Amino acid sequence: MANLLRNGDFEMDWGVDKSHRCLIFPVDGEPYETDVGNIFTPSGGWVTWFRHDPGTWDQPEVRDAWMTHDSRRVHSGQKGTLLFTFYRKHDAGFLQQVR
């Protein structure tokens, strides 16, 4: 079976098509896309998404994690993705449209 994801292992250089783009799902509103400064979305057509209801579901931070600096966060290869909040909870992830 072919892998239809682009940069499915998150190893691609994030400088190639780096983005702060994310899709926000407000609890009481329509989803919308915007740029958020502390969200560094992986290259390759990925979009970071998160549910938003301040105090209940908070905005995460997203960045890359390198094997050389933080090996416990990398499952395989040289790089992984870190999606987190401090002392808050989040409902978030990554999505990509497959053609």
PDB file of N, CA and C in Angstrom:
ATOM      1  N   MET A   1       0.840  -1.176   0.000  1.00  0.00           N
ATOM      2  CA  MET A   1       0.000   0.000   0.000  1.00  0.00           C
ATOM      3  C   MET A   1       0.888   1.243   0.000  1.00  0.00           C
ATOM      4  N   ALA A   2       0.592   2.181  -0.861  1.00  0.00           N
ATOM      5  CA  ALA A   2       1.384   3.402  -1.002  1.00  0.00           C
ATOM      6  C   ALA A   2       1.076   4.384   0.122  1.00  0.00           C
ATOM      7  N   ASN A   3       2.115   5.103   0.545  1.00  0.00           N
ATOM      8  CA  ASN A   3       1.933   6.166   1.529  1.00  0.00           C
ATOM      9  C   ASN A   3       1.493   7.423   0.787  1.00  0.00           C
ATOM     10  N   LEU A   4       0.297   7.887   1.024  1.00  0.00           N
ATOM     11  CA  LEU A   4      -0.247   9.039   0.311  1.00  0.00           C
ATOM     12  C   LEU A   4       0.054  10.361   1.007  1.00  0.00           C
ATOM     13  N   LEU A   5       0.643  10.317   2.190  1.00  0.00           N
ATOM     14  CA  LEU A   5       0.958  11.544   2.914  1.00  0.00           C
ATOM     15  C   LEU A   5       2.250  12.164   2.401  1.00  0.00           C
ATOM     16  N   ARG A   6       2.276  13.462   2.359  1.00  0.00           N
ATOM     17  CA  ARG A   6       3.500  14.182   2.022  1.00  0.00           C
ATOM     18  C   ARG A   6       4.181  14.528   3.347  1.00  0.00           C
ATOM     19  N   ASN A   7       5.437  14.193   3.480  1.00  0.00           N
ATOM     20  CA  ASN A   7       6.196  14.410   4.712  1.00  0.00           C
ATOM     21  C   ASN A   7       5.517  13.714   5.896  1.00  0.00           C
ATOM     22  N   GLY A   8       5.091  12.494   5.685  1.00  0.00           N
ATOM     23  CA  GLY A   8       4.390  11.742   6.721  1.00  0.00           C
ATOM     24  C   GLY A   8       5.235  11.439   7.946  1.00  0.00           C
ATOM     25  N   ASP A   9       6.556  11.490   7.805  1.00  0.00           N
ATOM     26  CA  ASP A   9       7.436  11.245   8.946  1.00  0.00           C
ATOM     27  C   ASP A   9       7.956  12.539   9.576  1.00  0.00           C
ATOM     28  N   PHE A  10       7.521  13.689   9.062  1.00  0.00           N
ATOM     29  CA  PHE A  10       7.910  15.019   9.558  1.00  0.00           C
ATOM     30  C   PHE A  10       9.410  15.287   9.456  1.00  0.00           C
ATOM     31  N   GLU A  11      10.125  14.553   8.604  1.00  0.00           N
ATOM     32  CA  GLU A  11      11.570  14.727   8.469  1.00  0.00           C
ATOM     33  C   GLU A  11      11.947  15.883   7.542  1.00  0.00           C
ATOM     34  N   MET A  12      11.030  16.325   6.692  1.00  0.00           N
ATOM     35  CA  MET A  12      11.329  17.395   5.737  1.00  0.00           C
ATOM     36  C   MET A  12      11.766  18.663   6.474  1.00  0.00           C
ATOM     37  N   ASP A  13      12.707  19.399   5.881  1.00  0.00           N
ATOM     38  CA  ASP A  13      13.161  20.666   6.451  1.00  0.00           C
ATOM     39  C   ASP A  13      11.986  21.622   6.549  1.00  0.00           C
ATOM     40  N   TRP A  14      11.729  22.138   7.741  1.00  0.00           N
ATOM     41  CA  TRP A  14      10.576  23.019   7.943  1.00  0.00           C
ATOM     42  C   TRP A  14      10.767  24.359   7.274  1.00  0.00           C
ATOM     43  N   GLY A  15      11.971  24.666   6.826  1.00  0.00           N
ATOM     44  CA  GLY A  15      12.214  25.911   6.109  1.00  0.00           C
ATOM     45  C   GLY A  15      11.707  25.868   4.680  1.00  0.00           C
ATOM     46  N   VAL A  16      11.406  24.670   4.166  1.00  0.00           N
ATOM     47  CA  VAL A  16      10.955  24.513   2.783  1.00  0.00           C
ATOM     48  C   VAL A  16       9.647  25.258   2.550  1.00  0.00           C
ATOM     49  N   ASP A  17       8.650  24.995   3.324  1.00  0.00           N
ATOM     50  CA  ASP A  17       7.376  25.722   3.219  1.00  0.00           C
ATOM     51  C   ASP A  17       6.799  25.923   4.618  1.00  0.00           C
ATOM     52  N   LYS A  18       7.630  26.516   5.476  1.00  0.00           N
ATOM     53  CA  LYS A  18       7.225  26.703   6.876  1.00  0.00           C
ATOM     54  C   LYS A  18       5.961  27.537   6.972  1.00  0.00           C
ATOM     55  N   SER A  19       5.232  27.309   8.047  1.00  0.00           N
ATOM     56  CA  SER A  19       3.934  27.952   8.175  1.00  0.00           C
ATOM     57  C   SER A  19       3.549  28.086   9.645  1.00  0.00           C
ATOM     58  N   HIS A  20       2.782  29.099   9.938  1.00  0.00           N
ATOM     59  CA  HIS A  20       2.150  29.266  11.246  1.00  0.00           C
ATOM     60  C   HIS A  20       0.641  29.054  11.103  1.00  0.00           C
ATOM     61  N   ARG A  21       0.249  28.476   9.967  1.00  0.00           N
ATOM     62  CA  ARG A  21      -1.165  28.321   9.636  1.00  0.00           C
ATOM     63  C   ARG A  21      -1.809  27.266  10.516  1.00  0.00           C
ATOM     64  N   CYS A  22      -3.010  27.576  10.991  1.00  0.00           N
ATOM     65  CA  CYS A  22      -3.756  26.584  11.759  1.00  0.00           C
ATOM     66  C   CYS A  22      -5.252  26.749  11.515  1.00  0.00           C
ATOM     67  N   LEU A  23      -5.966  25.694  11.795  1.00  0.00           N
ATOM     68  CA  LEU A  23      -7.416  25.649  11.661  1.00  0.00           C
ATOM     69  C   LEU A  23      -7.984  25.580  13.076  1.00  0.00           C
ATOM     70  N   ILE A  24      -8.762  26.599  13.433  1.00  0.00           N
ATOM     71  CA  ILE A  24      -9.299  26.707  14.788  1.00  0.00           C
ATOM     72  C   ILE A  24     -10.781  26.344  14.776  1.00  0.00           C
ATOM     73  N   PHE A  25     -11.162  25.474  15.698  1.00  0.00           N
ATOM     74  CA  PHE A  25     -12.550  25.056  15.862  1.00  0.00           C
ATOM     75  C   PHE A  25     -13.087  25.645  17.163  1.00  0.00           C
ATOM     76  N   PRO A  26     -13.659  26.872  17.112  1.00  0.00           N
ATOM     77  CA  PRO A  26     -14.242  27.438  18.332  1.00  0.00           C
ATOM     78  C   PRO A  26     -15.451  26.604  18.761  1.00  0.00           C
ATOM     79  N   VAL A  27     -15.648  26.466  20.048  1.00  0.00           N
ATOM     80  CA  VAL A  27     -16.763  25.667  20.556  1.00  0.00           C
ATOM     81  C   VAL A  27     -18.100  26.253  20.120  1.00  0.00           C
ATOM     82  N   ASP A  28     -18.215  27.579  20.111  1.00  0.00           N
ATOM     83  CA  ASP A  28     -19.482  28.236  19.762  1.00  0.00           C
ATOM     84  C   ASP A  28     -19.379  29.036  18.474  1.00  0.00           C
ATOM     85  N   GLY A  29     -18.802  28.453  17.431  1.00  0.00           N
ATOM     86  CA  GLY A  29     -18.674  29.193  16.182  1.00  0.00           C
ATOM     87  C   GLY A  29     -18.193  28.318  15.050  1.00  0.00           C
ATOM     88  N   GLU A  30     -18.018  28.934  13.902  1.00  0.00           N
ATOM     89  CA  GLU A  30     -17.566  28.232  12.706  1.00  0.00           C
ATOM     90  C   GLU A  30     -16.037  28.120  12.700  1.00  0.00           C
ATOM     91  N   PRO A  31     -15.508  27.021  12.179  1.00  0.00           N
ATOM     92  CA  PRO A  31     -14.054  26.888  12.063  1.00  0.00           C
ATOM     93  C   PRO A  31     -13.484  27.972  11.149  1.00  0.00           C
ATOM     94  N   TYR A  32     -12.252  28.387  11.441  1.00  0.00           N
ATOM     95  CA  TYR A  32     -11.580  29.372  10.594  1.00  0.00           C
ATOM     96  C   TYR A  32     -10.076  29.121  10.621  1.00  0.00           C
ATOM     97  N   GLU A  33      -9.401  29.587   9.560  1.00  0.00           N
ATOM     98  CA  GLU A  33      -7.951  29.466   9.458  1.00  0.00           C
ATOM     99  C   GLU A  33      -7.302  30.799   9.765  1.00  0.00           C
ATOM    100  N   THR A  34      -6.146  30.737  10.420  1.00  0.00           N
ATOM    101  CA  THR A  34      -5.374  31.939  10.723  1.00  0.00           C
ATOM    102  C   THR A  34      -3.923  31.542  10.987  1.00  0.00           C
ATOM    103  N   ASP A  35      -3.038  32.526  11.094  1.00  0.00           N
ATOM    104  CA  ASP A  35      -1.649  32.292  11.478  1.00  0.00           C
ATOM    105  C   ASP A  35      -1.506  32.576  12.967  1.00  0.00           C
ATOM    106  N   VAL A  36      -0.778  31.707  13.666  1.00  0.00           N
ATOM    107  CA  VAL A  36      -0.517  31.874  15.094  1.00  0.00           C
ATOM    108  C   VAL A  36       0.993  31.757  15.295  1.00  0.00           C
ATOM    109  N   GLY A  37       1.588  32.774  15.913  1.00  0.00           N
ATOM    110  CA  GLY A  37       3.043  32.889  16.011  1.00  0.00           C
ATOM    111  C   GLY A  37       3.766  31.745  16.681  1.00  0.00           C
ATOM    112  N   ASN A  38       3.194  31.117  17.709  1.00  0.00           N
ATOM    113  CA  ASN A  38       3.911  30.045  18.396  1.00  0.00           C
ATOM    114  C   ASN A  38       3.483  28.652  17.929  1.00  0.00           C
ATOM    115  N   ILE A  39       2.859  28.602  16.776  1.00  0.00           N
ATOM    116  CA  ILE A  39       2.550  27.324  16.133  1.00  0.00           C
ATOM    117  C   ILE A  39       3.400  27.230  14.874  1.00  0.00           C
ATOM    118  N   PHE A  40       4.339  26.283  14.878  1.00  0.00           N
ATOM    119  CA  PHE A  40       5.216  26.053  13.738  1.00  0.00           C
ATOM    120  C   PHE A  40       4.785  24.739  13.102  1.00  0.00           C
ATOM    121  N   THR A  41       3.969  24.842  12.077  1.00  0.00           N
ATOM    122  CA  THR A  41       3.365  23.679  11.433  1.00  0.00           C
ATOM    123  C   THR A  41       4.380  22.981  10.530  1.00  0.00           C
ATOM    124  N   PRO A  42       4.441  21.640  10.557  1.00  0.00           N
ATOM    125  CA  PRO A  42       5.377  20.907   9.712  1.00  0.00           C
ATOM    126  C   PRO A  42       5.177  21.197   8.227  1.00  0.00           C
ATOM    127  N   SER A  43       6.268  21.126   7.475  1.00  0.00           N
ATOM    128  CA  SER A  43       6.227  21.302   6.022  1.00  0.00           C
ATOM    129  C   SER A  43       5.507  20.142   5.361  1.00  0.00           C
ATOM    130  N   GLY A  44       5.105  20.350   4.125  1.00  0.00           N
ATOM    131  CA  GLY A  44       4.531  19.272   3.344  1.00  0.00           C
ATOM    132  C   GLY A  44       3.026  19.306   3.227  1.00  0.00           C
ATOM    133  N   GLY A  45       2.425  20.445   3.460  1.00  0.00           N
ATOM    134  CA  GLY A  45       0.981  20.532   3.314  1.00  0.00           C
ATOM    135  C   GLY A  45       0.202  20.228   4.581  1.00  0.00           C
ATOM    136  N   TRP A  46       0.880  20.123   5.711  1.00  0.00           N
ATOM    137  CA  TRP A  46       0.200  19.877   6.978  1.00  0.00           C
ATOM    138  C   TRP A  46      -0.466  21.143   7.492  1.00  0.00           C
ATOM    139  N   VAL A  47      -1.538  20.983   8.247  1.00  0.00           N
ATOM    140  CA  VAL A  47      -2.218  22.078   8.933  1.00  0.00           C
ATOM    141  C   VAL A  47      -2.399  21.639  10.384  1.00  0.00           C
ATOM    142  N   THR A  48      -2.039  22.512  11.308  1.00  0.00           N
ATOM    143  CA  THR A  48      -2.298  22.257  12.725  1.00  0.00           C
ATOM    144  C   THR A  48      -3.744  22.656  13.008  1.00  0.00           C
ATOM    145  N   TRP A  49      -4.472  21.837  13.736  1.00  0.00           N
ATOM    146  CA  TRP A  49      -5.851  22.186  14.111  1.00  0.00           C
ATOM    147  C   TRP A  49      -5.975  22.092  15.631  1.00  0.00           C
ATOM    148  N   PHE A  50      -6.905  22.864  16.179  1.00  0.00           N
ATOM    149  CA  PHE A  50      -7.209  22.715  17.598  1.00  0.00           C
ATOM    150  C   PHE A  50      -8.599  23.241  17.916  1.00  0.00           C
ATOM    151  N   ARG A  51      -9.211  22.607  18.922  1.00  0.00           N
ATOM    152  CA  ARG A  51     -10.496  23.062  19.446  1.00  0.00           C
ATOM    153  C   ARG A  51     -10.203  24.210  20.403  1.00  0.00           C
ATOM    154  N   HIS A  52     -11.042  25.253  20.387  1.00  0.00           N
ATOM    155  CA  HIS A  52     -10.757  26.422  21.217  1.00  0.00           C
ATOM    156  C   HIS A  52     -11.963  26.855  22.038  1.00  0.00           C
ATOM    157  N   ASP A  53     -11.774  26.854  23.329  1.00  0.00           N
ATOM    158  CA  ASP A  53     -12.734  27.356  24.311  1.00  0.00           C
ATOM    159  C   ASP A  53     -11.887  27.749  25.518  1.00  0.00           C
ATOM    160  N   PRO A  54     -11.360  28.998  25.523  1.00  0.00           N
ATOM    161  CA  PRO A  54     -10.389  29.406  26.540  1.00  0.00           C
ATOM    162  C   PRO A  54     -10.785  28.986  27.951  1.00  0.00           C
ATOM    163  N   GLY A  55      -9.827  28.374  28.629  1.00  0.00           N
ATOM    164  CA  GLY A  55     -10.064  27.870  29.978  1.00  0.00           C
ATOM    165  C   GLY A  55     -10.494  26.420  30.004  1.00  0.00           C
ATOM    166  N   THR A  56     -11.084  25.944  28.918  1.00  0.00           N
ATOM    167  CA  THR A  56     -11.469  24.540  28.804  1.00  0.00           C
ATOM    168  C   THR A  56     -10.573  23.834  27.793  1.00  0.00           C
ATOM    169  N   TRP A  57     -10.555  24.328  26.563  1.00  0.00           N
ATOM    170  CA  TRP A  57      -9.688  23.811  25.503  1.00  0.00           C
ATOM    171  C   TRP A  57      -8.810  24.967  25.030  1.00  0.00           C
ATOM    172  N   ASP A  58      -7.521  24.880  25.321  1.00  0.00           N
ATOM    173  CA  ASP A  58      -6.619  25.991  25.037  1.00  0.00           C
ATOM    174  C   ASP A  58      -5.736  25.732  23.826  1.00  0.00           C
ATOM    175  N   GLN A  59      -5.201  26.826  23.301  1.00  0.00           N
ATOM    176  CA  GLN A  59      -4.329  26.769  22.129  1.00  0.00           C
ATOM    177  C   GLN A  59      -3.013  26.088  22.494  1.00  0.00           C
ATOM    178  N   PRO A  60      -2.586  25.113  21.708  1.00  0.00           N
ATOM    179  CA  PRO A  60      -1.296  24.477  21.963  1.00  0.00           C
ATOM    180  C   PRO A  60      -0.151  25.279  21.338  1.00  0.00           C
ATOM    181  N   GLU A  61       1.052  24.867  21.664  1.00  0.00           N
ATOM    182  CA  GLU A  61       2.245  25.324  20.965  1.00  0.00           C
ATOM    183  C   GLU A  61       2.739  24.147  20.146  1.00  0.00           C
ATOM    184  N   VAL A  62       3.366  24.444  19.017  1.00  0.00           N
ATOM    185  CA  VAL A  62       3.855  23.389  18.130  1.00  0.00           C
ATOM    186  C   VAL A  62       5.248  23.769  17.654  1.00  0.00           C
ATOM    187  N   ARG A  63       6.162  22.798  17.696  1.00  0.00           N
ATOM    188  CA  ARG A  63       7.514  23.008  17.172  1.00  0.00           C
ATOM    189  C   ARG A  63       8.118  21.660  16.818  1.00  0.00           C
ATOM    190  N   ASP A  64       9.268  21.719  16.160  1.00  0.00           N
ATOM    191  CA  ASP A  64       9.953  20.476  15.836  1.00  0.00           C
ATOM    192  C   ASP A  64      10.810  20.035  17.015  1.00  0.00           C
ATOM    193  N   ALA A  65      11.086  18.747  17.080  1.00  0.00           N
ATOM    194  CA  ALA A  65      11.939  18.157  18.114  1.00  0.00           C
ATOM    195  C   ALA A  65      12.996  17.326  17.399  1.00  0.00           C
ATOM    196  N   TRP A  66      14.249  17.589  17.701  1.00  0.00           N
ATOM    197  CA  TRP A  66      15.361  16.911  17.030  1.00  0.00           C
ATOM    198  C   TRP A  66      15.942  15.799  17.903  1.00  0.00           C
ATOM    199  N   MET A  67      16.320  14.707  17.267  1.00  0.00           N
ATOM    200  CA  MET A  67      16.937  13.579  17.950  1.00  0.00           C
ATOM    201  C   MET A  67      18.174  14.029  18.731  1.00  0.00           C
ATOM    202  N   THR A  68      18.949  14.936  18.170  1.00  0.00           N
ATOM    203  CA  THR A  68      20.191  15.375  18.812  1.00  0.00           C
ATOM    204  C   THR A  68      19.955  16.199  20.074  1.00  0.00           C
ATOM    205  N   HIS A  69      18.784  16.808  20.219  1.00  0.00           N
ATOM    206  CA  HIS A  69      18.518  17.663  21.374  1.00  0.00           C
ATOM    207  C   HIS A  69      17.485  17.089  22.334  1.00  0.00           C
ATOM    208  N   ASP A  70      16.586  16.266  21.840  1.00  0.00           N
ATOM    209  CA  ASP A  70      15.474  15.782  22.666  1.00  0.00           C
ATOM    210  C   ASP A  70      15.042  14.398  22.183  1.00  0.00           C
ATOM    211  N   SER A  71      15.933  13.431  22.308  1.00  0.00           N
ATOM    212  CA  SER A  71      15.726  12.110  21.702  1.00  0.00           C
ATOM    213  C   SER A  71      14.487  11.380  22.213  1.00  0.00           C
ATOM    214  N   ARG A  72      14.047  11.672  23.424  1.00  0.00           N
ATOM    215  CA  ARG A  72      12.872  10.964  23.958  1.00  0.00           C
ATOM    216  C   ARG A  72      11.591  11.328  23.223  1.00  0.00           C
ATOM    217  N   ARG A  73      11.620  12.402  22.429  1.00  0.00           N
ATOM    218  CA  ARG A  73      10.430  12.843  21.703  1.00  0.00           C
ATOM    219  C   ARG A  73      10.424  12.397  20.239  1.00  0.00           C
ATOM    220  N   VAL A  74      11.466  11.686  19.826  1.00  0.00           N
ATOM    221  CA  VAL A  74      11.572  11.252  18.428  1.00  0.00           C
ATOM    222  C   VAL A  74      11.418   9.738  18.378  1.00  0.00           C
ATOM    223  N   HIS A  75      10.393   9.272  17.669  1.00  0.00           N
ATOM    224  CA  HIS A  75      10.115   7.835  17.588  1.00  0.00           C
ATOM    225  C   HIS A  75      11.080   7.141  16.643  1.00  0.00           C
ATOM    226  N   SER A  76      11.308   7.732  15.478  1.00  0.00           N
ATOM    227  CA  SER A  76      12.251   7.187  14.502  1.00  0.00           C
ATOM    228  C   SER A  76      12.764   8.342  13.651  1.00  0.00           C
ATOM    229  N   GLY A  77      13.857   8.120  12.956  1.00  0.00           N
ATOM    230  CA  GLY A  77      14.432   9.177  12.134  1.00  0.00           C
ATOM    231  C   GLY A  77      15.165  10.201  12.985  1.00  0.00           C
ATOM    232  N   GLN A  78      15.294  11.406  12.459  1.00  0.00           N
ATOM    233  CA  GLN A  78      16.045  12.461  13.132  1.00  0.00           C
ATOM    234  C   GLN A  78      15.173  13.544  13.747  1.00  0.00           C
ATOM    235  N   LYS A  79      13.870  13.498  13.458  1.00  0.00           N
ATOM    236  CA  LYS A  79      13.031  14.601  13.890  1.00  0.00           C
ATOM    237  C   LYS A  79      11.617  14.130  14.188  1.00  0.00           C
ATOM    238  N   GLY A  80      10.967  14.843  15.076  1.00  0.00           N
ATOM    239  CA  GLY A  80       9.565  14.613  15.389  1.00  0.00           C
ATOM    240  C   GLY A  80       8.874  15.952  15.565  1.00  0.00           C
ATOM    241  N   THR A  81       7.632  15.914  15.987  1.00  0.00           N
ATOM    242  CA  THR A  81       6.854  17.133  16.188  1.00  0.00           C
ATOM    243  C   THR A  81       6.344  17.153  17.621  1.00  0.00           C
ATOM    244  N   LEU A  82       6.473  18.304  18.253  1.00  0.00           N
ATOM    245  CA  LEU A  82       6.055  18.480  19.634  1.00  0.00           C
ATOM    246  C   LEU A  82       4.842  19.399  19.655  1.00  0.00           C
ATOM    247  N   LEU A  83       3.716  18.898  20.140  1.00  0.00           N
ATOM    248  CA  LEU A  83       2.469  19.651  20.263  1.00  0.00           C
ATOM    249  C   LEU A  83       2.094  19.582  21.741  1.00  0.00           C
ATOM    250  N   PHE A  84       2.022  20.745  22.424  1.00  0.00           N
ATOM    251  CA  PHE A  84       1.887  20.714  23.877  1.00  0.00           C
ATOM    252  C   PHE A  84       1.215  21.968  24.433  1.00  0.00           C
ATOM    253  N   THR A  85       0.788  21.872  25.684  1.00  0.00           N
ATOM    254  CA  THR A  85       0.361  23.016  26.492  1.00  0.00           C
ATOM    255  C   THR A  85       0.964  22.821  27.879  1.00  0.00           C
ATOM    256  N   PHE A  86       1.162  23.914  28.611  1.00  0.00           N
ATOM    257  CA  PHE A  86       1.629  23.856  29.993  1.00  0.00           C
ATOM    258  C   PHE A  86       0.455  24.101  30.934  1.00  0.00           C
ATOM    259  N   TYR A  87       0.187  23.153  31.815  1.00  0.00           N
ATOM    260  CA  TYR A  87      -0.846  23.289  32.851  1.00  0.00           C
ATOM    261  C   TYR A  87      -2.221  23.649  32.294  1.00  0.00           C
ATOM    262  N   ARG A  88      -2.481  23.228  31.081  1.00  0.00           N
ATOM    263  CA  ARG A  88      -3.783  23.422  30.440  1.00  0.00           C
ATOM    264  C   ARG A  88      -4.068  22.155  29.657  1.00  0.00           C
ATOM    265  N   LYS A  89      -5.254  22.045  29.099  1.00  0.00           N
ATOM    266  CA  LYS A  89      -5.530  20.888  28.248  1.00  0.00           C
ATOM    267  C   LYS A  89      -5.870  21.357  26.846  1.00  0.00           C
ATOM    268  N   HIS A  90      -5.641  20.458  25.901  1.00  0.00           N
ATOM    269  CA  HIS A  90      -5.905  20.781  24.501  1.00  0.00           C
ATOM    270  C   HIS A  90      -6.482  19.568  23.783  1.00  0.00           C
ATOM    271  N   ASP A  91      -7.165  19.849  22.698  1.00  0.00           N
ATOM    272  CA  ASP A  91      -7.660  18.844  21.763  1.00  0.00           C
ATOM    273  C   ASP A  91      -7.154  19.329  20.418  1.00  0.00           C
ATOM    274  N   ALA A  92      -6.111  18.695  19.897  1.00  0.00           N
ATOM    275  CA  ALA A  92      -5.418  19.246  18.732  1.00  0.00           C
ATOM    276  C   ALA A  92      -4.712  18.145  17.955  1.00  0.00           C
ATOM    277  N   GLY A  93      -4.243  18.501  16.777  1.00  0.00           N
ATOM    278  CA  GLY A  93      -3.500  17.557  15.963  1.00  0.00           C
ATOM    279  C   GLY A  93      -3.102  18.174  14.641  1.00  0.00           C
ATOM    280  N   PHE A  94      -2.800  17.307  13.683  1.00  0.00           N
ATOM    281  CA  PHE A  94      -2.396  17.736  12.348  1.00  0.00           C
ATOM    282  C   PHE A  94      -3.296  17.069  11.321  1.00  0.00           C
ATOM    283  N   LEU A  95      -3.544  17.771  10.240  1.00  0.00           N
ATOM    284  CA  LEU A  95      -4.300  17.171   9.146  1.00  0.00           C
ATOM    285  C   LEU A  95      -3.658  17.555   7.822  1.00  0.00           C
ATOM    286  N   GLN A  96      -3.945  16.748   6.836  1.00  0.00           N
ATOM    287  CA  GLN A  96      -3.426  16.970   5.495  1.00  0.00           C
ATOM    288  C   GLN A  96      -4.435  16.406   4.503  1.00  0.00           C
ATOM    289  N   GLN A  97      -4.727  17.183   3.482  1.00  0.00           N
ATOM    290  CA  GLN A  97      -5.625  16.690   2.443  1.00  0.00           C
ATOM    291  C   GLN A  97      -4.830  15.806   1.493  1.00  0.00           C
ATOM    292  N   VAL A  98      -5.336  14.612   1.256  1.00  0.00           N
ATOM    293  CA  VAL A  98      -4.678  13.647   0.378  1.00  0.00           C
ATOM    294  C   VAL A  98      -5.396  13.640  -0.955  1.00  0.00           C
ATOM    295  N   ARG A  99      -4.630  13.681  -2.016  1.00  0.00           N
ATOM    296  CA  ARG A  99      -5.219  13.676  -3.365  1.00  0.00           C
ATOM    297  C   ARG A  99      -5.008  12.363  -4.043  1.00  0.00           C
TER     298      ARG A  99
END
